[in-house]
Amino acid sequence: MFISYDEIKAIDNKYLSIPLIRQHELSIFLKITNECKRMSEISKCYTGEVDILLHSEFITNSSSDHSMLRGAQVQKYYITNDISQGDILFLKADGYLDKNKGEKSQHHNRRRIVMQKKVLKVGLFSKKTVTKTYDKKNKKPIIKASICNGEQVAGFKDIYTGKIEEVMLIKNQADLDAFKKMYGIDDEIEKEY
């Protein structure tokens, strides 16, 4: 495929990523990515408004209170109430809002995108990260990167089928370091666009 420097800049002016597409797909791809913005240019990422430990006095199991959305409920394409860990929790919203007046306590008034960052720790206050394993004979670590929005997801690619198992979103070098540490990876990880 032939792609000019100007076309590469139009697709990804920051990282100059070259798309893995066929020549006849390039014009369509350029139209799709025209003036595309990265999520970080149009939004901010916050942790949840309510901290379960700090705000425990406002948290109940009563469905008559306001339902809370917890990380275990956030799936790849949907929100579930059938969670694998913990319970569905509810918030005494009036009491919480009476005692919490900061900017973060008002985020519920805005439209938001919900996402889950998975962090594995041993023990509640421990700094020791759990080391996981993967099938090194059949899979290799990979970073799947979007040319359009710059999103990067770390995971493992089956070397025989090409199927990628996504593990975690990579927003910065610290996330990449955490992924490598979590799986005991010392080498550089190949990027795939």
N, C-alpha and C. Protein backbone atom coordinates (compact mmCIF):
# COMPACT_ATOMS: atom_id res chain seq x y z
N MET A 1 0.83 -1.17 0.00
CA MET A 1 0.00 0.00 0.00
C MET A 1 0.88 1.24 0.00
N PHE A 2 0.50 2.23 -0.77
CA PHE A 2 1.21 3.51 -0.75
C PHE A 2 0.38 4.50 0.05
N ILE A 3 1.04 5.17 1.00
CA ILE A 3 0.38 6.21 1.79
C ILE A 3 1.38 7.34 1.98
N SER A 4 0.93 8.55 1.72
CA SER A 4 1.84 9.70 1.82
C SER A 4 1.99 10.15 3.27
N TYR A 5 3.03 10.93 3.48
CA TYR A 5 3.28 11.49 4.81
C TYR A 5 2.10 12.36 5.24
N ASP A 6 1.55 13.16 4.32
CA ASP A 6 0.41 14.02 4.65
C ASP A 6 -0.81 13.20 5.04
N GLU A 7 -1.01 12.06 4.39
CA GLU A 7 -2.14 11.19 4.75
C GLU A 7 -1.94 10.58 6.14
N ILE A 8 -0.70 10.20 6.43
CA ILE A 8 -0.40 9.66 7.77
C ILE A 8 -0.66 10.72 8.82
N LYS A 9 -0.21 11.97 8.56
CA LYS A 9 -0.45 13.06 9.50
C LYS A 9 -1.94 13.34 9.67
N ALA A 10 -2.70 13.20 8.59
CA ALA A 10 -4.15 13.42 8.69
C ALA A 10 -4.82 12.36 9.55
N ILE A 11 -4.28 11.15 9.54
CA ILE A 11 -4.84 10.06 10.33
C ILE A 11 -4.43 10.18 11.79
N ASP A 12 -3.14 10.41 12.02
CA ASP A 12 -2.62 10.45 13.39
C ASP A 12 -1.46 11.43 13.46
N ASN A 13 -1.78 12.69 13.70
CA ASN A 13 -0.78 13.75 13.71
C ASN A 13 0.17 13.63 14.90
N LYS A 14 -0.28 12.98 15.98
CA LYS A 14 0.55 12.90 17.18
C LYS A 14 1.59 11.77 17.09
N TYR A 15 1.15 10.55 16.75
CA TYR A 15 2.05 9.39 16.77
C TYR A 15 2.47 8.91 15.37
N LEU A 16 1.87 9.49 14.33
CA LEU A 16 2.15 9.12 12.94
C LEU A 16 1.99 7.61 12.71
N SER A 17 0.89 7.07 13.21
CA SER A 17 0.61 5.64 13.05
C SER A 17 0.23 5.32 11.61
N ILE A 18 0.74 4.24 11.11
CA ILE A 18 0.43 3.80 9.74
C ILE A 18 -0.62 2.69 9.83
N PRO A 19 -1.78 2.88 9.19
CA PRO A 19 -2.85 1.88 9.30
C PRO A 19 -2.53 0.62 8.50
N LEU A 20 -2.98 -0.51 9.00
CA LEU A 20 -2.83 -1.77 8.29
C LEU A 20 -4.12 -2.02 7.49
N ILE A 21 -4.19 -1.38 6.32
CA ILE A 21 -5.36 -1.51 5.46
C ILE A 21 -4.90 -1.68 4.02
N ARG A 22 -5.84 -2.06 3.17
CA ARG A 22 -5.53 -2.22 1.74
C ARG A 22 -5.64 -0.86 1.03
N GLN A 23 -4.98 -0.75 -0.12
CA GLN A 23 -4.95 0.51 -0.85
C GLN A 23 -6.36 1.03 -1.15
N HIS A 24 -7.25 0.15 -1.57
CA HIS A 24 -8.60 0.60 -1.94
C HIS A 24 -9.43 1.02 -0.70
N GLU A 25 -8.98 0.70 0.49
CA GLU A 25 -9.68 1.10 1.71
C GLU A 25 -9.20 2.45 2.24
N LEU A 26 -8.06 2.93 1.72
CA LEU A 26 -7.44 4.14 2.26
C LEU A 26 -8.35 5.36 2.15
N SER A 27 -8.98 5.59 1.01
CA SER A 27 -9.82 6.78 0.86
C SER A 27 -11.00 6.76 1.83
N ILE A 28 -11.58 5.59 2.04
CA ILE A 28 -12.69 5.46 3.00
C ILE A 28 -12.17 5.74 4.41
N PHE A 29 -11.01 5.16 4.71
CA PHE A 29 -10.42 5.34 6.04
C PHE A 29 -10.11 6.80 6.31
N LEU A 30 -9.60 7.51 5.32
CA LEU A 30 -9.28 8.93 5.48
C LEU A 30 -10.55 9.75 5.74
N LYS A 31 -11.65 9.39 5.11
CA LYS A 31 -12.92 10.08 5.36
C LYS A 31 -13.39 9.83 6.78
N ILE A 32 -13.27 8.59 7.24
CA ILE A 32 -13.72 8.23 8.59
C ILE A 32 -12.90 8.94 9.65
N THR A 33 -11.60 9.03 9.44
CA THR A 33 -10.71 9.60 10.46
C THR A 33 -10.52 11.11 10.31
N ASN A 34 -11.16 11.72 9.32
CA ASN A 34 -11.02 13.15 9.09
C ASN A 34 -11.44 13.93 10.34
N GLU A 35 -10.53 14.72 10.88
CA GLU A 35 -10.77 15.54 12.07
C GLU A 35 -11.24 14.72 13.27
N CYS A 36 -10.74 13.51 13.37
CA CYS A 36 -11.07 12.64 14.49
C CYS A 36 -10.36 13.15 15.74
N LYS A 37 -11.04 13.11 16.88
CA LYS A 37 -10.44 13.58 18.13
C LYS A 37 -10.19 12.41 19.07
N ARG A 38 -9.16 12.56 19.88
CA ARG A 38 -8.86 11.57 20.92
C ARG A 38 -9.78 11.85 22.10
N MET A 39 -10.12 10.79 22.85
CA MET A 39 -10.98 10.94 24.02
C MET A 39 -10.42 11.98 24.98
N SER A 40 -9.11 12.01 25.16
CA SER A 40 -8.50 12.94 26.11
C SER A 40 -8.69 14.40 25.69
N GLU A 41 -8.99 14.64 24.41
CA GLU A 41 -9.21 16.01 23.94
C GLU A 41 -10.61 16.50 24.25
N ILE A 42 -11.55 15.59 24.46
CA ILE A 42 -12.94 16.00 24.65
C ILE A 42 -13.52 15.59 26.00
N SER A 43 -12.75 14.89 26.82
CA SER A 43 -13.31 14.43 28.09
C SER A 43 -12.22 14.31 29.15
N LYS A 44 -12.66 14.05 30.37
CA LYS A 44 -11.76 13.80 31.49
C LYS A 44 -12.14 12.46 32.09
N CYS A 45 -11.17 11.82 32.71
CA CYS A 45 -11.42 10.53 33.35
C CYS A 45 -11.35 10.70 34.86
N TYR A 46 -12.41 10.31 35.54
CA TYR A 46 -12.48 10.42 36.99
C TYR A 46 -12.72 9.05 37.61
N THR A 47 -12.30 8.90 38.84
CA THR A 47 -12.70 7.71 39.59
C THR A 47 -14.13 7.93 40.04
N GLY A 48 -14.75 6.90 40.58
CA GLY A 48 -16.14 7.00 41.02
C GLY A 48 -16.38 8.12 42.02
N GLU A 49 -17.62 8.63 42.03
CA GLU A 49 -17.96 9.72 42.94
C GLU A 49 -17.96 9.27 44.40
N VAL A 50 -18.36 8.03 44.64
CA VAL A 50 -18.54 7.54 46.00
C VAL A 50 -17.47 6.50 46.31
N ASP A 51 -16.74 6.70 47.39
CA ASP A 51 -15.75 5.74 47.84
C ASP A 51 -16.41 4.84 48.87
N ILE A 52 -16.45 3.55 48.62
CA ILE A 52 -17.17 2.61 49.48
C ILE A 52 -16.62 2.61 50.91
N LEU A 53 -15.32 2.79 51.08
CA LEU A 53 -14.75 2.83 52.43
C LEU A 53 -14.99 4.16 53.12
N LEU A 54 -14.71 5.25 52.43
CA LEU A 54 -14.85 6.58 53.05
C LEU A 54 -16.30 6.98 53.28
N HIS A 55 -17.20 6.51 52.43
CA HIS A 55 -18.60 6.92 52.52
C HIS A 55 -19.52 5.77 52.96
N SER A 56 -19.00 4.84 53.74
CA SER A 56 -19.76 3.65 54.13
C SER A 56 -21.05 3.97 54.88
N GLU A 57 -21.09 5.11 55.57
CA GLU A 57 -22.30 5.45 56.32
C GLU A 57 -23.50 5.71 55.40
N PHE A 58 -23.24 5.97 54.12
CA PHE A 58 -24.32 6.28 53.18
C PHE A 58 -24.68 5.08 52.29
N ILE A 59 -24.01 3.95 52.47
CA ILE A 59 -24.19 2.80 51.59
C ILE A 59 -25.07 1.76 52.28
N THR A 60 -26.06 1.26 51.53
CA THR A 60 -27.00 0.28 52.09
C THR A 60 -27.21 -0.87 51.12
N ASN A 61 -27.96 -1.85 51.56
CA ASN A 61 -28.39 -2.96 50.69
C ASN A 61 -29.86 -2.81 50.33
N SER A 62 -30.46 -1.69 50.68
CA SER A 62 -31.89 -1.46 50.47
C SER A 62 -32.16 -0.93 49.07
N SER A 63 -32.96 -1.66 48.30
CA SER A 63 -33.27 -1.24 46.93
C SER A 63 -34.16 -0.01 46.89
N SER A 64 -34.63 0.47 48.04
CA SER A 64 -35.43 1.69 48.06
C SER A 64 -34.53 2.93 47.94
N ASP A 65 -33.21 2.75 48.13
CA ASP A 65 -32.26 3.85 47.95
C ASP A 65 -31.78 3.87 46.50
N HIS A 66 -30.93 4.82 46.17
CA HIS A 66 -30.43 4.97 44.79
C HIS A 66 -29.40 3.89 44.47
N SER A 67 -29.57 3.24 43.34
CA SER A 67 -28.66 2.17 42.92
C SER A 67 -27.29 2.75 42.58
N MET A 68 -26.24 2.07 43.00
CA MET A 68 -24.87 2.47 42.67
C MET A 68 -24.35 1.58 41.56
N LEU A 69 -23.56 2.13 40.67
CA LEU A 69 -22.92 1.36 39.62
C LEU A 69 -21.51 1.07 40.07
N ARG A 70 -21.18 -0.22 40.21
CA ARG A 70 -19.85 -0.63 40.69
C ARG A 70 -19.06 -1.25 39.55
N GLY A 71 -17.75 -1.27 39.72
CA GLY A 71 -16.86 -1.79 38.68
C GLY A 71 -17.20 -3.19 38.21
N ALA A 72 -17.60 -4.07 39.11
CA ALA A 72 -17.91 -5.45 38.73
C ALA A 72 -19.13 -5.52 37.82
N GLN A 73 -19.94 -4.46 37.78
CA GLN A 73 -21.12 -4.43 36.92
C GLN A 73 -20.77 -4.02 35.49
N VAL A 74 -19.62 -3.39 35.31
CA VAL A 74 -19.25 -2.85 34.00
C VAL A 74 -18.61 -3.95 33.18
N GLN A 75 -19.31 -4.35 32.14
CA GLN A 75 -18.81 -5.35 31.21
C GLN A 75 -18.36 -4.65 29.93
N LYS A 76 -17.86 -5.39 28.97
CA LYS A 76 -17.30 -4.78 27.78
C LYS A 76 -18.34 -3.96 27.00
N TYR A 77 -19.56 -4.49 26.84
CA TYR A 77 -20.56 -3.80 26.04
C TYR A 77 -21.86 -3.55 26.79
N TYR A 78 -21.92 -3.81 28.07
CA TYR A 78 -23.18 -3.63 28.80
C TYR A 78 -22.92 -3.53 30.30
N ILE A 79 -23.97 -3.16 31.02
CA ILE A 79 -23.94 -3.09 32.48
C ILE A 79 -24.80 -4.25 32.99
N THR A 80 -24.33 -4.97 34.00
CA THR A 80 -25.07 -6.11 34.52
C THR A 80 -25.36 -5.95 36.01
N ASN A 81 -26.43 -6.59 36.46
CA ASN A 81 -26.71 -6.68 37.90
C ASN A 81 -26.35 -8.06 38.42
N ASP A 82 -25.90 -8.94 37.54
CA ASP A 82 -25.47 -10.28 37.91
C ASP A 82 -23.95 -10.25 38.03
N ILE A 83 -23.46 -9.83 39.22
CA ILE A 83 -22.02 -9.62 39.38
C ILE A 83 -21.34 -10.80 40.05
N SER A 84 -20.07 -10.97 39.72
CA SER A 84 -19.31 -12.12 40.21
C SER A 84 -18.69 -11.87 41.59
N GLN A 85 -18.62 -10.62 42.00
CA GLN A 85 -18.02 -10.32 43.30
C GLN A 85 -18.83 -9.25 44.00
N GLY A 86 -18.98 -9.39 45.29
CA GLY A 86 -19.71 -8.39 46.08
C GLY A 86 -21.20 -8.40 45.82
N ASP A 87 -21.87 -7.37 46.29
CA ASP A 87 -23.32 -7.23 46.15
C ASP A 87 -23.65 -5.95 45.42
N ILE A 88 -24.86 -5.88 44.89
CA ILE A 88 -25.36 -4.62 44.36
C ILE A 88 -25.58 -3.71 45.57
N LEU A 89 -25.05 -2.51 45.50
CA LEU A 89 -25.16 -1.59 46.63
C LEU A 89 -26.02 -0.39 46.26
N PHE A 90 -26.53 0.26 47.29
CA PHE A 90 -27.40 1.42 47.10
C PHE A 90 -26.88 2.56 47.95
N LEU A 91 -27.24 3.79 47.55
CA LEU A 91 -26.71 4.99 48.20
C LEU A 91 -27.85 5.82 48.79
N LYS A 92 -27.67 6.24 50.04
CA LYS A 92 -28.57 7.22 50.65
C LYS A 92 -28.13 8.57 50.08
N ALA A 93 -28.67 8.91 48.92
CA ALA A 93 -28.19 10.05 48.14
C ALA A 93 -28.35 11.38 48.88
N ASP A 94 -29.48 11.59 49.54
CA ASP A 94 -29.69 12.88 50.21
C ASP A 94 -28.65 13.10 51.30
N GLY A 95 -28.40 12.07 52.11
CA GLY A 95 -27.39 12.18 53.17
C GLY A 95 -26.00 12.40 52.59
N TYR A 96 -25.68 11.67 51.53
CA TYR A 96 -24.37 11.81 50.89
C TYR A 96 -24.18 13.23 50.36
N LEU A 97 -25.18 13.76 49.65
CA LEU A 97 -25.06 15.09 49.06
C LEU A 97 -25.08 16.19 50.11
N ASP A 98 -25.74 15.96 51.25
CA ASP A 98 -25.72 16.94 52.34
C ASP A 98 -24.32 17.12 52.92
N LYS A 99 -23.58 16.01 53.03
CA LYS A 99 -22.25 16.06 53.66
C LYS A 99 -21.11 16.22 52.66
N ASN A 100 -21.36 16.05 51.38
CA ASN A 100 -20.31 16.12 50.36
C ASN A 100 -20.69 17.18 49.34
N LYS A 101 -20.01 18.31 49.39
CA LYS A 101 -20.36 19.46 48.55
C LYS A 101 -19.34 19.74 47.44
N GLY A 102 -18.30 18.93 47.34
CA GLY A 102 -17.26 19.18 46.34
C GLY A 102 -17.72 18.95 44.91
N GLU A 103 -16.86 19.32 43.96
CA GLU A 103 -17.16 19.17 42.53
C GLU A 103 -17.49 17.73 42.17
N LYS A 104 -16.74 16.80 42.74
CA LYS A 104 -16.92 15.39 42.43
C LYS A 104 -18.32 14.89 42.81
N SER A 105 -18.89 15.44 43.86
CA SER A 105 -20.22 15.01 44.30
C SER A 105 -21.31 15.45 43.34
N GLN A 106 -20.97 16.31 42.38
CA GLN A 106 -21.97 16.78 41.41
C GLN A 106 -21.82 16.12 40.04
N HIS A 107 -20.87 15.22 39.89
CA HIS A 107 -20.67 14.57 38.60
C HIS A 107 -21.89 13.80 38.14
N HIS A 108 -22.72 13.33 39.08
CA HIS A 108 -23.91 12.56 38.70
C HIS A 108 -24.89 13.39 37.88
N ASN A 109 -24.74 14.70 37.86
CA ASN A 109 -25.63 15.58 37.08
C ASN A 109 -25.21 15.68 35.62
N ARG A 110 -24.08 15.09 35.27
CA ARG A 110 -23.56 15.17 33.89
C ARG A 110 -23.70 13.84 33.19
N ARG A 111 -23.70 13.88 31.87
CA ARG A 111 -23.67 12.64 31.08
C ARG A 111 -22.26 12.08 31.18
N ARG A 112 -22.16 10.76 31.38
CA ARG A 112 -20.84 10.16 31.56
C ARG A 112 -20.75 8.84 30.81
N ILE A 113 -19.54 8.45 30.52
CA ILE A 113 -19.25 7.13 29.98
C ILE A 113 -18.65 6.34 31.14
N VAL A 114 -19.14 5.13 31.34
CA VAL A 114 -18.66 4.31 32.45
C VAL A 114 -17.63 3.33 31.93
N MET A 115 -16.53 3.20 32.65
CA MET A 115 -15.53 2.21 32.29
C MET A 115 -14.93 1.62 33.55
N GLN A 116 -14.29 0.50 33.41
CA GLN A 116 -13.73 -0.22 34.55
C GLN A 116 -12.24 -0.36 34.35
N LYS A 117 -11.48 0.03 35.33
CA LYS A 117 -10.04 -0.20 35.32
C LYS A 117 -9.78 -1.33 36.30
N LYS A 118 -9.20 -2.40 35.82
CA LYS A 118 -8.97 -3.56 36.68
C LYS A 118 -7.58 -3.49 37.27
N VAL A 119 -7.51 -3.44 38.57
CA VAL A 119 -6.24 -3.43 39.29
C VAL A 119 -6.25 -4.62 40.23
N LEU A 120 -5.25 -5.45 40.14
CA LEU A 120 -5.18 -6.61 41.01
C LEU A 120 -4.19 -6.35 42.13
N LYS A 121 -4.65 -6.43 43.34
CA LYS A 121 -3.79 -6.25 44.50
C LYS A 121 -4.01 -7.43 45.44
N VAL A 122 -3.01 -7.74 46.22
CA VAL A 122 -3.12 -8.79 47.23
C VAL A 122 -3.42 -8.08 48.55
N GLY A 123 -4.56 -8.37 49.13
CA GLY A 123 -4.94 -7.71 50.39
C GLY A 123 -5.47 -6.32 50.13
N LEU A 124 -6.25 -5.81 51.05
CA LEU A 124 -6.93 -4.54 50.86
C LEU A 124 -5.98 -3.35 50.74
N PHE A 125 -4.93 -3.30 51.56
CA PHE A 125 -4.04 -2.15 51.54
C PHE A 125 -2.63 -2.49 51.07
N SER A 126 -2.46 -3.65 50.50
CA SER A 126 -1.15 -4.10 50.07
C SER A 126 -0.72 -3.45 48.77
N LYS A 127 0.55 -3.28 48.56
CA LYS A 127 1.09 -2.74 47.33
C LYS A 127 1.63 -3.84 46.42
N LYS A 128 1.58 -5.08 46.88
CA LYS A 128 2.12 -6.19 46.10
C LYS A 128 1.14 -6.58 44.99
N THR A 129 1.60 -6.56 43.75
CA THR A 129 0.75 -6.88 42.61
C THR A 129 0.77 -8.39 42.36
N VAL A 130 -0.38 -8.93 42.00
CA VAL A 130 -0.49 -10.34 41.67
C VAL A 130 0.13 -10.57 40.30
N THR A 131 0.98 -11.59 40.16
CA THR A 131 1.53 -11.94 38.86
C THR A 131 0.69 -13.06 38.27
N LYS A 132 0.17 -12.79 37.08
CA LYS A 132 -0.67 -13.77 36.40
C LYS A 132 0.16 -14.47 35.33
N THR A 133 -0.37 -15.55 34.81
CA THR A 133 0.33 -16.27 33.74
C THR A 133 -0.51 -16.29 32.49
N TYR A 134 0.13 -16.58 31.37
CA TYR A 134 -0.57 -16.75 30.10
C TYR A 134 0.13 -17.86 29.33
N ASP A 135 -0.54 -18.38 28.32
CA ASP A 135 -0.03 -19.49 27.53
C ASP A 135 1.07 -18.98 26.58
N LYS A 136 2.33 -19.08 27.00
CA LYS A 136 3.45 -18.54 26.24
C LYS A 136 3.74 -19.33 24.96
N LYS A 137 3.29 -20.58 24.90
CA LYS A 137 3.50 -21.38 23.69
C LYS A 137 2.57 -20.96 22.56
N ASN A 138 1.35 -20.56 22.91
CA ASN A 138 0.33 -20.28 21.89
C ASN A 138 -0.08 -18.82 21.78
N LYS A 139 0.34 -18.00 22.74
CA LYS A 139 -0.07 -16.59 22.73
C LYS A 139 1.12 -15.68 22.94
N LYS A 140 1.00 -14.47 22.39
CA LYS A 140 2.04 -13.47 22.61
C LYS A 140 1.38 -12.17 23.06
N PRO A 141 2.07 -11.42 23.94
CA PRO A 141 1.51 -10.14 24.39
C PRO A 141 1.45 -9.17 23.22
N ILE A 142 0.41 -8.34 23.21
CA ILE A 142 0.24 -7.38 22.12
C ILE A 142 -0.50 -6.15 22.62
N ILE A 143 -0.22 -5.02 21.99
CA ILE A 143 -0.98 -3.80 22.25
C ILE A 143 -1.81 -3.55 20.99
N LYS A 144 -3.12 -3.58 21.15
CA LYS A 144 -4.03 -3.28 20.04
C LYS A 144 -4.32 -1.79 20.11
N ALA A 145 -3.90 -1.04 19.07
CA ALA A 145 -4.03 0.42 19.08
C ALA A 145 -4.99 0.89 18.00
N SER A 146 -5.86 1.82 18.37
CA SER A 146 -6.80 2.41 17.42
C SER A 146 -6.16 3.61 16.76
N ILE A 147 -6.22 3.67 15.47
CA ILE A 147 -5.67 4.81 14.74
C ILE A 147 -6.57 6.02 14.93
N CYS A 148 -7.87 5.79 14.99
CA CYS A 148 -8.85 6.88 15.05
C CYS A 148 -8.82 7.63 16.37
N ASN A 149 -8.93 6.91 17.48
CA ASN A 149 -9.04 7.62 18.76
C ASN A 149 -7.83 7.46 19.67
N GLY A 150 -6.82 6.72 19.23
CA GLY A 150 -5.60 6.57 20.02
C GLY A 150 -5.71 5.58 21.16
N GLU A 151 -6.89 4.97 21.32
CA GLU A 151 -7.06 4.01 22.41
C GLU A 151 -6.13 2.82 22.22
N GLN A 152 -5.52 2.37 23.31
CA GLN A 152 -4.64 1.22 23.28
C GLN A 152 -5.13 0.21 24.31
N VAL A 153 -5.19 -1.05 23.89
CA VAL A 153 -5.62 -2.13 24.78
C VAL A 153 -4.55 -3.21 24.77
N ALA A 154 -4.11 -3.60 25.96
CA ALA A 154 -3.12 -4.67 26.07
C ALA A 154 -3.84 -6.00 26.17
N GLY A 155 -3.24 -7.01 25.60
CA GLY A 155 -3.84 -8.34 25.66
C GLY A 155 -2.90 -9.38 25.10
N PHE A 156 -3.49 -10.49 24.66
CA PHE A 156 -2.69 -11.59 24.12
C PHE A 156 -3.28 -12.06 22.81
N LYS A 157 -2.40 -12.27 21.83
CA LYS A 157 -2.82 -12.72 20.51
C LYS A 157 -2.44 -14.18 20.33
N ASP A 158 -3.44 -14.97 19.93
CA ASP A 158 -3.19 -16.37 19.63
C ASP A 158 -2.34 -16.42 18.36
N ILE A 159 -1.15 -17.03 18.42
CA ILE A 159 -0.23 -17.01 17.27
C ILE A 159 -0.71 -17.89 16.13
N TYR A 160 -1.69 -18.75 16.37
CA TYR A 160 -2.22 -19.61 15.32
C TYR A 160 -3.50 -19.07 14.70
N THR A 161 -4.41 -18.54 15.51
CA THR A 161 -5.70 -18.07 14.99
C THR A 161 -5.72 -16.57 14.76
N GLY A 162 -4.82 -15.83 15.41
CA GLY A 162 -4.81 -14.37 15.30
C GLY A 162 -5.81 -13.69 16.22
N LYS A 163 -6.60 -14.47 16.95
CA LYS A 163 -7.60 -13.90 17.84
C LYS A 163 -6.91 -13.21 19.02
N ILE A 164 -7.41 -12.00 19.35
CA ILE A 164 -6.82 -11.22 20.44
C ILE A 164 -7.75 -11.24 21.64
N GLU A 165 -7.19 -11.58 22.79
CA GLU A 165 -7.91 -11.53 24.07
C GLU A 165 -7.51 -10.22 24.74
N GLU A 166 -8.47 -9.28 24.83
CA GLU A 166 -8.18 -7.99 25.45
C GLU A 166 -8.17 -8.12 26.96
N VAL A 167 -7.16 -7.50 27.61
CA VAL A 167 -7.02 -7.62 29.05
C VAL A 167 -7.26 -6.28 29.75
N MET A 168 -6.58 -5.23 29.28
CA MET A 168 -6.75 -3.94 29.97
C MET A 168 -6.47 -2.76 29.06
N LEU A 169 -7.15 -1.66 29.35
CA LEU A 169 -6.96 -0.41 28.63
C LEU A 169 -5.64 0.22 29.07
N ILE A 170 -4.87 0.70 28.10
CA ILE A 170 -3.59 1.35 28.39
C ILE A 170 -3.73 2.84 28.08
N LYS A 171 -3.77 3.65 29.14
CA LYS A 171 -3.91 5.10 28.96
C LYS A 171 -2.58 5.82 29.03
N ASN A 172 -1.59 5.19 29.64
CA ASN A 172 -0.30 5.86 29.82
C ASN A 172 0.78 4.81 30.10
N GLN A 173 2.00 5.27 30.28
CA GLN A 173 3.13 4.36 30.50
C GLN A 173 2.95 3.57 31.80
N ALA A 174 2.35 4.18 32.80
CA ALA A 174 2.13 3.48 34.08
C ALA A 174 1.21 2.28 33.89
N ASP A 175 0.17 2.43 33.05
CA ASP A 175 -0.73 1.31 32.77
C ASP A 175 0.02 0.19 32.05
N LEU A 176 0.87 0.57 31.08
CA LEU A 176 1.64 -0.43 30.34
C LEU A 176 2.60 -1.16 31.29
N ASP A 177 3.25 -0.41 32.15
CA ASP A 177 4.16 -1.01 33.14
C ASP A 177 3.41 -1.97 34.06
N ALA A 178 2.20 -1.57 34.47
CA ALA A 178 1.39 -2.43 35.36
C ALA A 178 1.01 -3.73 34.65
N PHE A 179 0.64 -3.62 33.37
CA PHE A 179 0.28 -4.82 32.59
C PHE A 179 1.49 -5.74 32.48
N LYS A 180 2.65 -5.19 32.13
CA LYS A 180 3.85 -6.00 32.00
C LYS A 180 4.23 -6.66 33.32
N LYS A 181 4.10 -5.91 34.41
CA LYS A 181 4.42 -6.45 35.73
C LYS A 181 3.43 -7.55 36.12
N MET A 182 2.15 -7.31 35.80
CA MET A 182 1.10 -8.27 36.15
C MET A 182 1.35 -9.63 35.51
N TYR A 183 1.91 -9.65 34.29
CA TYR A 183 2.14 -10.91 33.56
C TYR A 183 3.61 -11.28 33.47
N GLY A 184 4.48 -10.56 34.16
CA GLY A 184 5.90 -10.88 34.17
C GLY A 184 6.55 -10.74 32.80
N ILE A 185 6.19 -9.69 32.07
CA ILE A 185 6.72 -9.45 30.72
C ILE A 185 7.85 -8.44 30.82
N ASP A 186 9.03 -8.82 30.34
CA ASP A 186 10.18 -7.92 30.38
C ASP A 186 10.46 -7.26 29.04
N ASP A 187 10.12 -7.94 27.94
CA ASP A 187 10.42 -7.43 26.59
C ASP A 187 9.44 -6.36 26.16
N GLU A 188 9.81 -5.64 25.09
CA GLU A 188 8.89 -4.68 24.48
C GLU A 188 7.70 -5.44 23.91
N ILE A 189 6.53 -4.82 23.93
CA ILE A 189 5.32 -5.45 23.41
C ILE A 189 4.98 -4.84 22.05
N GLU A 190 4.76 -5.72 21.08
CA GLU A 190 4.44 -5.30 19.72
C GLU A 190 3.08 -4.61 19.69
N LYS A 191 2.98 -3.54 18.86
CA LYS A 191 1.70 -2.85 18.65
C LYS A 191 1.09 -3.32 17.36
N GLU A 192 -0.24 -3.46 17.37
CA GLU A 192 -0.97 -3.83 16.16
C GLU A 192 -2.08 -2.81 15.97
N TYR A 193 -2.19 -2.26 14.77
CA TYR A 193 -3.20 -1.24 14.48
C TYR A 193 -4.35 -1.83 13.69
